[in-house]
Amino acid sequence: KLATPVKISYTGEKQLVSISFPQELSGATGKVQFYRPSDAKKDYGIALNINENNIQDIPVHHLAKGLWVVKLEWEKAGKAYMKEEKIVL
């Protein structure tokens, strides 16, 4: 129920996943999980770390090519949020 949705995008030439948050979520805390449906041993997770432009760039050059599910879980002002999106690296 956000005014502007959270956007997840992948730039192949930079091997970078960018997560763009609306201004209202500035200062949110949480985590980013990369789930590999075909091999759970390759799952990868990091803490949410939004920069001053409300963006988090995540290098993914070390992740295997193929289908991944990006799961975001974050909290702001006592409200919990979640977003899930499939990407192909």
PDB file of N, CA and C in Angstrom:
ATOM      1  N   LYS A   1       0.828  -1.194   0.000  1.00  0.00           N
ATOM      2  CA  LYS A   1       0.000   0.000   0.000  1.00  0.00           C
ATOM      3  C   LYS A   1       0.868   1.251   0.000  1.00  0.00           C
ATOM      4  N   LEU A   2       1.847   1.260  -0.892  1.00  0.00           N
ATOM      5  CA  LEU A   2       2.752   2.397  -1.006  1.00  0.00           C
ATOM      6  C   LEU A   2       2.308   3.298  -2.151  1.00  0.00           C
ATOM      7  N   ALA A   3       2.569   4.582  -2.016  1.00  0.00           N
ATOM      8  CA  ALA A   3       2.218   5.531  -3.080  1.00  0.00           C
ATOM      9  C   ALA A   3       2.977   5.203  -4.358  1.00  0.00           C
ATOM     10  N   THR A   4       4.249   4.847  -4.213  1.00  0.00           N
ATOM     11  CA  THR A   4       5.093   4.452  -5.335  1.00  0.00           C
ATOM     12  C   THR A   4       5.656   3.069  -5.013  1.00  0.00           C
ATOM     13  N   PRO A   5       5.532   2.110  -5.930  1.00  0.00           N
ATOM     14  CA  PRO A   5       6.025   0.757  -5.612  1.00  0.00           C
ATOM     15  C   PRO A   5       7.549   0.676  -5.601  1.00  0.00           C
ATOM     16  N   VAL A   6       8.055  -0.305  -4.877  1.00  0.00           N
ATOM     17  CA  VAL A   6       9.481  -0.617  -4.876  1.00  0.00           C
ATOM     18  C   VAL A   6       9.783  -1.284  -6.213  1.00  0.00           C
ATOM     19  N   LYS A   7      10.889  -0.876  -6.862  1.00  0.00           N
ATOM     20  CA  LYS A   7      11.237  -1.436  -8.165  1.00  0.00           C
ATOM     21  C   LYS A   7      12.548  -2.207  -8.077  1.00  0.00           C
ATOM     22  N   ILE A   8      12.557  -3.391  -8.679  1.00  0.00           N
ATOM     23  CA  ILE A   8      13.757  -4.218  -8.744  1.00  0.00           C
ATOM     24  C   ILE A   8      14.143  -4.342 -10.211  1.00  0.00           C
ATOM     25  N   SER A   9      15.395  -4.002 -10.539  1.00  0.00           N
ATOM     26  CA  SER A   9      15.836  -4.105 -11.930  1.00  0.00           C
ATOM     27  C   SER A   9      17.228  -4.719 -11.985  1.00  0.00           C
ATOM     28  N   TYR A  10      17.518  -5.360 -13.116  1.00  0.00           N
ATOM     29  CA  TYR A  10      18.811  -6.016 -13.314  1.00  0.00           C
ATOM     30  C   TYR A  10      19.481  -5.443 -14.546  1.00  0.00           C
ATOM     31  N   THR A  11      20.744  -5.042 -14.406  1.00  0.00           N
ATOM     32  CA  THR A  11      21.537  -4.546 -15.528  1.00  0.00           C
ATOM     33  C   THR A  11      22.605  -5.583 -15.823  1.00  0.00           C
ATOM     34  N   GLY A  12      22.449  -6.281 -16.936  1.00  0.00           N
ATOM     35  CA  GLY A  12      23.343  -7.377 -17.286  1.00  0.00           C
ATOM     36  C   GLY A  12      24.786  -6.970 -17.506  1.00  0.00           C
ATOM     37  N   GLU A  13      25.015  -5.852 -18.231  1.00  0.00           N
ATOM     38  CA  GLU A  13      26.393  -5.456 -18.515  1.00  0.00           C
ATOM     39  C   GLU A  13      27.154  -5.025 -17.260  1.00  0.00           C
ATOM     40  N   LYS A  14      26.433  -4.546 -16.249  1.00  0.00           N
ATOM     41  CA  LYS A  14      27.083  -4.156 -14.986  1.00  0.00           C
ATOM     42  C   LYS A  14      27.016  -5.259 -13.930  1.00  0.00           C
ATOM     43  N   GLN A  15      26.252  -6.331 -14.211  1.00  0.00           N
ATOM     44  CA  GLN A  15      26.055  -7.411 -13.244  1.00  0.00           C
ATOM     45  C   GLN A  15      25.578  -6.840 -11.910  1.00  0.00           C
ATOM     46  N   LEU A  16      24.502  -6.022 -11.989  1.00  0.00           N
ATOM     47  CA  LEU A  16      24.028  -5.284 -10.833  1.00  0.00           C
ATOM     48  C   LEU A  16      22.511  -5.373 -10.731  1.00  0.00           C
ATOM     49  N   VAL A  17      22.022  -5.699  -9.538  1.00  0.00           N
ATOM     50  CA  VAL A  17      20.591  -5.628  -9.259  1.00  0.00           C
ATOM     51  C   VAL A  17      20.375  -4.333  -8.474  1.00  0.00           C
ATOM     52  N   SER A  18      19.481  -3.479  -8.961  1.00  0.00           N
ATOM     53  CA  SER A  18      19.169  -2.221  -8.290  1.00  0.00           C
ATOM     54  C   SER A  18      17.761  -2.278  -7.728  1.00  0.00           C
ATOM     55  N   ILE A  19      17.644  -1.858  -6.478  1.00  0.00           N
ATOM     56  CA  ILE A  19      16.337  -1.807  -5.822  1.00  0.00           C
ATOM     57  C   ILE A  19      16.067  -0.351  -5.500  1.00  0.00           C
ATOM     58  N   SER A  20      14.984   0.163  -6.053  1.00  0.00           N
ATOM     59  CA  SER A  20      14.632   1.567  -5.888  1.00  0.00           C
ATOM     60  C   SER A  20      13.426   1.688  -4.953  1.00  0.00           C
ATOM     61  N   PHE A  21      13.604   2.432  -3.881  1.00  0.00           N
ATOM     62  CA  PHE A  21      12.563   2.617  -2.881  1.00  0.00           C
ATOM     63  C   PHE A  21      11.953   4.014  -2.988  1.00  0.00           C
ATOM     64  N   PRO A  22      10.657   4.154  -2.713  1.00  0.00           N
ATOM     65  CA  PRO A  22      10.057   5.494  -2.689  1.00  0.00           C
ATOM     66  C   PRO A  22      10.594   6.298  -1.504  1.00  0.00           C
ATOM     67  N   GLN A  23      10.509   7.608  -1.602  1.00  0.00           N
ATOM     68  CA  GLN A  23      11.017   8.514  -0.570  1.00  0.00           C
ATOM     69  C   GLN A  23      10.463   8.183   0.816  1.00  0.00           C
ATOM     70  N   GLU A  24       9.210   7.760   0.870  1.00  0.00           N
ATOM     71  CA  GLU A  24       8.570   7.467   2.158  1.00  0.00           C
ATOM     72  C   GLU A  24       9.236   6.326   2.924  1.00  0.00           C
ATOM     73  N   LEU A  25      10.074   5.529   2.234  1.00  0.00           N
ATOM     74  CA  LEU A  25      10.747   4.409   2.898  1.00  0.00           C
ATOM     75  C   LEU A  25      12.205   4.707   3.237  1.00  0.00           C
ATOM     76  N   SER A  26      12.611   5.953   3.109  1.00  0.00           N
ATOM     77  CA  SER A  26      13.965   6.344   3.466  1.00  0.00           C
ATOM     78  C   SER A  26      14.238   5.952   4.920  1.00  0.00           C
ATOM     79  N   GLY A  27      15.363   5.276   5.150  1.00  0.00           N
ATOM     80  CA  GLY A  27      15.707   4.850   6.501  1.00  0.00           C
ATOM     81  C   GLY A  27      15.136   3.502   6.904  1.00  0.00           C
ATOM     82  N   ALA A  28      14.490   2.802   5.986  1.00  0.00           N
ATOM     83  CA  ALA A  28      13.928   1.481   6.298  1.00  0.00           C
ATOM     84  C   ALA A  28      15.055   0.487   6.574  1.00  0.00           C
ATOM     85  N   THR A  29      14.753  -0.529   7.367  1.00  0.00           N
ATOM     86  CA  THR A  29      15.724  -1.584   7.657  1.00  0.00           C
ATOM     87  C   THR A  29      15.128  -2.925   7.238  1.00  0.00           C
ATOM     88  N   GLY A  30      16.002  -3.865   6.903  1.00  0.00           N
ATOM     89  CA  GLY A  30      15.506  -5.178   6.506  1.00  0.00           C
ATOM     90  C   GLY A  30      16.575  -5.996   5.842  1.00  0.00           C
ATOM     91  N   LYS A  31      16.140  -6.906   4.960  1.00  0.00           N
ATOM     92  CA  LYS A  31      17.090  -7.788   4.288  1.00  0.00           C
ATOM     93  C   LYS A  31      16.648  -8.069   2.860  1.00  0.00           C
ATOM     94  N   VAL A  32      17.638  -8.463   2.052  1.00  0.00           N
ATOM     95  CA  VAL A  32      17.422  -8.848   0.657  1.00  0.00           C
ATOM     96  C   VAL A  32      17.912 -10.278   0.526  1.00  0.00           C
ATOM     97  N   GLN A  33      17.055 -11.162   0.027  1.00  0.00           N
ATOM     98  CA  GLN A  33      17.417 -12.570  -0.143  1.00  0.00           C
ATOM     99  C   GLN A  33      17.326 -12.926  -1.625  1.00  0.00           C
ATOM    100  N   PHE A  34      18.322 -13.642  -2.104  1.00  0.00           N
ATOM    101  CA  PHE A  34      18.300 -14.189  -3.460  1.00  0.00           C
ATOM    102  C   PHE A  34      18.127 -15.698  -3.321  1.00  0.00           C
ATOM    103  N   TYR A  35      17.000 -16.206  -3.785  1.00  0.00           N
ATOM    104  CA  TYR A  35      16.721 -17.637  -3.701  1.00  0.00           C
ATOM    105  C   TYR A  35      16.903 -18.283  -5.073  1.00  0.00           C
ATOM    106  N   ARG A  36      17.626 -19.370  -5.095  1.00  0.00           N
ATOM    107  CA  ARG A  36      17.851 -20.126  -6.330  1.00  0.00           C
ATOM    108  C   ARG A  36      16.919 -21.333  -6.294  1.00  0.00           C
ATOM    109  N   PRO A  37      15.798 -21.311  -7.045  1.00  0.00           N
ATOM    110  CA  PRO A  37      14.832 -22.411  -6.986  1.00  0.00           C
ATOM    111  C   PRO A  37      15.432 -23.782  -7.312  1.00  0.00           C
ATOM    112  N   SER A  38      16.433 -23.828  -8.195  1.00  0.00           N
ATOM    113  CA  SER A  38      17.000 -25.119  -8.605  1.00  0.00           C
ATOM    114  C   SER A  38      18.104 -25.626  -7.678  1.00  0.00           C
ATOM    115  N   ASP A  39      18.593 -24.770  -6.757  1.00  0.00           N
ATOM    116  CA  ASP A  39      19.690 -25.197  -5.880  1.00  0.00           C
ATOM    117  C   ASP A  39      19.741 -24.303  -4.638  1.00  0.00           C
ATOM    118  N   ALA A  40      19.116 -24.752  -3.564  1.00  0.00           N
ATOM    119  CA  ALA A  40      19.026 -23.959  -2.332  1.00  0.00           C
ATOM    120  C   ALA A  40      20.393 -23.656  -1.724  1.00  0.00           C
ATOM    121  N   LYS A  41      21.416 -24.448  -2.060  1.00  0.00           N
ATOM    122  CA  LYS A  41      22.753 -24.199  -1.515  1.00  0.00           C
ATOM    123  C   LYS A  41      23.351 -22.891  -2.037  1.00  0.00           C
ATOM    124  N   LYS A  42      22.811 -22.380  -3.130  1.00  0.00           N
ATOM    125  CA  LYS A  42      23.333 -21.153  -3.727  1.00  0.00           C
ATOM    126  C   LYS A  42      22.602 -19.899  -3.240  1.00  0.00           C
ATOM    127  N   ASP A  43      21.635 -20.053  -2.343  1.00  0.00           N
ATOM    128  CA  ASP A  43      20.899 -18.897  -1.821  1.00  0.00           C
ATOM    129  C   ASP A  43      21.872 -17.896  -1.206  1.00  0.00           C
ATOM    130  N   TYR A  44      21.512 -16.621  -1.290  1.00  0.00           N
ATOM    131  CA  TYR A  44      22.401 -15.540  -0.867  1.00  0.00           C
ATOM    132  C   TYR A  44      21.567 -14.437  -0.236  1.00  0.00           C
ATOM    133  N   GLY A  45      22.040 -13.868   0.849  1.00  0.00           N
ATOM    134  CA  GLY A  45      21.292 -12.802   1.504  1.00  0.00           C
ATOM    135  C   GLY A  45      22.200 -11.720   2.043  1.00  0.00           C
ATOM    136  N   ILE A  46      21.699 -10.481   2.038  1.00  0.00           N
ATOM    137  CA  ILE A  46      22.440  -9.344   2.593  1.00  0.00           C
ATOM    138  C   ILE A  46      21.463  -8.416   3.312  1.00  0.00           C
ATOM    139  N   ALA A  47      22.023  -7.555   4.142  1.00  0.00           N
ATOM    140  CA  ALA A  47      21.198  -6.575   4.850  1.00  0.00           C
ATOM    141  C   ALA A  47      20.786  -5.457   3.906  1.00  0.00           C
ATOM    142  N   LEU A  48      19.623  -4.921   4.153  1.00  0.00           N
ATOM    143  CA  LEU A  48      19.146  -3.772   3.386  1.00  0.00           C
ATOM    144  C   LEU A  48      19.996  -2.565   3.765  1.00  0.00           C
ATOM    145  N   ASN A  49      20.477  -1.852   2.749  1.00  0.00           N
ATOM    146  CA  ASN A  49      21.338  -0.697   2.978  1.00  0.00           C
ATOM    147  C   ASN A  49      21.020   0.347   1.909  1.00  0.00           C
ATOM    148  N   ILE A  50      19.968   1.114   2.132  1.00  0.00           N
ATOM    149  CA  ILE A  50      19.483   2.084   1.142  1.00  0.00           C
ATOM    150  C   ILE A  50      20.352   3.341   1.201  1.00  0.00           C
ATOM    151  N   ASN A  51      20.824   3.805   0.024  1.00  0.00           N
ATOM    152  CA  ASN A  51      21.653   5.011   0.001  1.00  0.00           C
ATOM    153  C   ASN A  51      20.806   6.287   0.048  1.00  0.00           C
ATOM    154  N   GLU A  52      21.469   7.441  -0.038  1.00  0.00           N
ATOM    155  CA  GLU A  52      20.770   8.728   0.080  1.00  0.00           C
ATOM    156  C   GLU A  52      19.781   8.984  -1.062  1.00  0.00           C
ATOM    157  N   ASN A  53      19.908   8.240  -2.160  1.00  0.00           N
ATOM    158  CA  ASN A  53      18.972   8.354  -3.286  1.00  0.00           C
ATOM    159  C   ASN A  53      17.864   7.309  -3.213  1.00  0.00           C
ATOM    160  N   ASN A  54      17.755   6.629  -2.073  1.00  0.00           N
ATOM    161  CA  ASN A  54      16.752   5.578  -1.846  1.00  0.00           C
ATOM    162  C   ASN A  54      16.918   4.402  -2.799  1.00  0.00           C
ATOM    163  N   ILE A  55      18.173   4.071  -3.096  1.00  0.00           N
ATOM    164  CA  ILE A  55      18.494   2.958  -3.987  1.00  0.00           C
ATOM    165  C   ILE A  55      19.518   2.052  -3.299  1.00  0.00           C
ATOM    166  N   GLN A  56      19.396   0.761  -3.548  1.00  0.00           N
ATOM    167  CA  GLN A  56      20.440  -0.173  -3.122  1.00  0.00           C
ATOM    168  C   GLN A  56      20.890  -0.937  -4.361  1.00  0.00           C
ATOM    169  N   ASP A  57      22.188  -0.837  -4.663  1.00  0.00           N
ATOM    170  CA  ASP A  57      22.784  -1.580  -5.767  1.00  0.00           C
ATOM    171  C   ASP A  57      23.498  -2.797  -5.195  1.00  0.00           C
ATOM    172  N   ILE A  58      23.227  -3.959  -5.777  1.00  0.00           N
ATOM    173  CA  ILE A  58      23.803  -5.213  -5.287  1.00  0.00           C
ATOM    174  C   ILE A  58      24.562  -5.893  -6.428  1.00  0.00           C
ATOM    175  N   PRO A  59      25.884  -6.012  -6.320  1.00  0.00           N
ATOM    176  CA  PRO A  59      26.642  -6.748  -7.340  1.00  0.00           C
ATOM    177  C   PRO A  59      26.257  -8.226  -7.306  1.00  0.00           C
ATOM    178  N   VAL A  60      26.015  -8.806  -8.478  1.00  0.00           N
ATOM    179  CA  VAL A  60      25.592 -10.211  -8.533  1.00  0.00           C
ATOM    180  C   VAL A  60      26.481 -11.037  -9.466  1.00  0.00           C
ATOM    181  N   HIS A  61      27.683 -10.541  -9.757  1.00  0.00           N
ATOM    182  CA  HIS A  61      28.586 -11.260 -10.658  1.00  0.00           C
ATOM    183  C   HIS A  61      28.963 -12.642 -10.120  1.00  0.00           C
ATOM    184  N   HIS A  62      28.877 -12.833  -8.807  1.00  0.00           N
ATOM    185  CA  HIS A  62      29.239 -14.119  -8.202  1.00  0.00           C
ATOM    186  C   HIS A  62      28.084 -15.127  -8.201  1.00  0.00           C
ATOM    187  N   LEU A  63      26.891 -14.693  -8.581  1.00  0.00           N
ATOM    188  CA  LEU A  63      25.740 -15.597  -8.598  1.00  0.00           C
ATOM    189  C   LEU A  63      25.658 -16.319  -9.938  1.00  0.00           C
ATOM    190  N   ALA A  64      25.185 -17.550  -9.915  1.00  0.00           N
ATOM    191  CA  ALA A  64      25.061 -18.355 -11.133  1.00  0.00           C
ATOM    192  C   ALA A  64      24.009 -17.761 -12.068  1.00  0.00           C
ATOM    193  N   LYS A  65      24.209 -17.948 -13.355  1.00  0.00           N
ATOM    194  CA  LYS A  65      23.237 -17.502 -14.347  1.00  0.00           C
ATOM    195  C   LYS A  65      21.961 -18.326 -14.207  1.00  0.00           C
ATOM    196  N   GLY A  66      20.831 -17.701 -14.522  1.00  0.00           N
ATOM    197  CA  GLY A  66      19.569 -18.421 -14.485  1.00  0.00           C
ATOM    198  C   GLY A  66      18.532 -17.708 -13.640  1.00  0.00           C
ATOM    199  N   LEU A  67      17.508 -18.455 -13.252  1.00  0.00           N
ATOM    200  CA  LEU A  67      16.376 -17.904 -12.516  1.00  0.00           C
ATOM    201  C   LEU A  67      16.680 -17.732 -11.033  1.00  0.00           C
ATOM    202  N   TRP A  68      16.342 -16.568 -10.511  1.00  0.00           N
ATOM    203  CA  TRP A  68      16.458 -16.260  -9.086  1.00  0.00           C
ATOM    204  C   TRP A  68      15.171 -15.591  -8.631  1.00  0.00           C
ATOM    205  N   VAL A  69      14.848 -15.754  -7.363  1.00  0.00           N
ATOM    206  CA  VAL A  69      13.726 -15.048  -6.766  1.00  0.00           C
ATOM    207  C   VAL A  69      14.320 -14.072  -5.750  1.00  0.00           C
ATOM    208  N   VAL A  70      14.049 -12.790  -5.972  1.00  0.00           N
ATOM    209  CA  VAL A  70      14.529 -11.759  -5.051  1.00  0.00           C
ATOM    210  C   VAL A  70      13.409 -11.494  -4.052  1.00  0.00           C
ATOM    211  N   LYS A  71      13.711 -11.689  -2.766  1.00  0.00           N
ATOM    212  CA  LYS A  71      12.722 -11.446  -1.713  1.00  0.00           C
ATOM    213  C   LYS A  71      13.217 -10.302  -0.837  1.00  0.00           C
ATOM    214  N   LEU A  72      12.408  -9.274  -0.737  1.00  0.00           N
ATOM    215  CA  LEU A  72      12.717  -8.133   0.121  1.00  0.00           C
ATOM    216  C   LEU A  72      11.802  -8.169   1.323  1.00  0.00           C
ATOM    217  N   GLU A  73      12.370  -7.983   2.477  1.00  0.00           N
ATOM    218  CA  GLU A  73      11.582  -7.832   3.699  1.00  0.00           C
ATOM    219  C   GLU A  73      12.153  -6.619   4.412  1.00  0.00           C
ATOM    220  N   TRP A  74      11.300  -5.639   4.712  1.00  0.00           N
ATOM    221  CA  TRP A  74      11.778  -4.447   5.388  1.00  0.00           C
ATOM    222  C   TRP A  74      10.727  -3.895   6.327  1.00  0.00           C
ATOM    223  N   GLU A  75      11.198  -2.985   7.174  1.00  0.00           N
ATOM    224  CA  GLU A  75      10.324  -2.384   8.175  1.00  0.00           C
ATOM    225  C   GLU A  75      10.586  -0.892   8.237  1.00  0.00           C
ATOM    226  N   LYS A  76       9.533  -0.123   8.380  1.00  0.00           N
ATOM    227  CA  LYS A  76       9.652   1.324   8.526  1.00  0.00           C
ATOM    228  C   LYS A  76       8.519   1.794   9.437  1.00  0.00           C
ATOM    229  N   ALA A  77       8.872   2.511  10.488  1.00  0.00           N
ATOM    230  CA  ALA A  77       7.898   3.064  11.441  1.00  0.00           C
ATOM    231  C   ALA A  77       6.960   1.989  11.991  1.00  0.00           C
ATOM    232  N   GLY A  78       7.517   0.815  12.297  1.00  0.00           N
ATOM    233  CA  GLY A  78       6.730  -0.241  12.905  1.00  0.00           C
ATOM    234  C   GLY A  78       5.872  -1.044  11.948  1.00  0.00           C
ATOM    235  N   LYS A  79       5.904  -0.719  10.653  1.00  0.00           N
ATOM    236  CA  LYS A  79       5.131  -1.466   9.650  1.00  0.00           C
ATOM    237  C   LYS A  79       6.061  -2.382   8.878  1.00  0.00           C
ATOM    238  N   ALA A  80       5.638  -3.626   8.701  1.00  0.00           N
ATOM    239  CA  ALA A  80       6.430  -4.609   7.959  1.00  0.00           C
ATOM    240  C   ALA A  80       5.959  -4.665   6.507  1.00  0.00           C
ATOM    241  N   TYR A  81       6.918  -4.795   5.600  1.00  0.00           N
ATOM    242  CA  TYR A  81       6.631  -4.869   4.170  1.00  0.00           C
ATOM    243  C   TYR A  81       7.371  -6.053   3.572  1.00  0.00           C
ATOM    244  N   MET A  82       6.881  -6.530   2.417  1.00  0.00           N
ATOM    245  CA  MET A  82       7.529  -7.608   1.704  1.00  0.00           C
ATOM    246  C   MET A  82       7.273  -7.464   0.215  1.00  0.00           C
ATOM    247  N   LYS A  83       8.274  -7.776  -0.588  1.00  0.00           N
ATOM    248  CA  LYS A  83       8.111  -7.804  -2.042  1.00  0.00           C
ATOM    249  C   LYS A  83       8.930  -8.966  -2.556  1.00  0.00           C
ATOM    250  N   GLU A  84       8.383  -9.645  -3.553  1.00  0.00           N
ATOM    251  CA  GLU A  84       9.059 -10.790  -4.162  1.00  0.00           C
ATOM    252  C   GLU A  84       8.978 -10.650  -5.666  1.00  0.00           C
ATOM    253  N   GLU A  85      10.107 -10.874  -6.342  1.00  0.00           N
ATOM    254  CA  GLU A  85      10.123 -10.761  -7.796  1.00  0.00           C
ATOM    255  C   GLU A  85      11.119 -11.739  -8.377  1.00  0.00           C
ATOM    256  N   LYS A  86      10.772 -12.337  -9.511  1.00  0.00           N
ATOM    257  CA  LYS A  86      11.671 -13.262 -10.200  1.00  0.00           C
ATOM    258  C   LYS A  86      12.526 -12.471 -11.179  1.00  0.00           C
ATOM    259  N   ILE A  87      13.817 -12.821 -11.235  1.00  0.00           N
ATOM    260  CA  ILE A  87      14.716 -12.224 -12.213  1.00  0.00           C
ATOM    261  C   ILE A  87      15.549 -13.336 -12.841  1.00  0.00           C
ATOM    262  N   VAL A  88      16.037 -13.078 -14.044  1.00  0.00           N
ATOM    263  CA  VAL A  88      16.920 -14.020 -14.711  1.00  0.00           C
ATOM    264  C   VAL A  88      18.251 -13.326 -14.927  1.00  0.00           C
ATOM    265  N   LEU A  89      19.291 -13.907 -14.354  1.00  0.00           N
ATOM    266  CA  LEU A  89      20.640 -13.339 -14.504  1.00  0.00           C
ATOM    267  C   LEU A  89      21.317 -13.928 -15.715  1.00  0.00           C
TER     268      LEU A  89
END
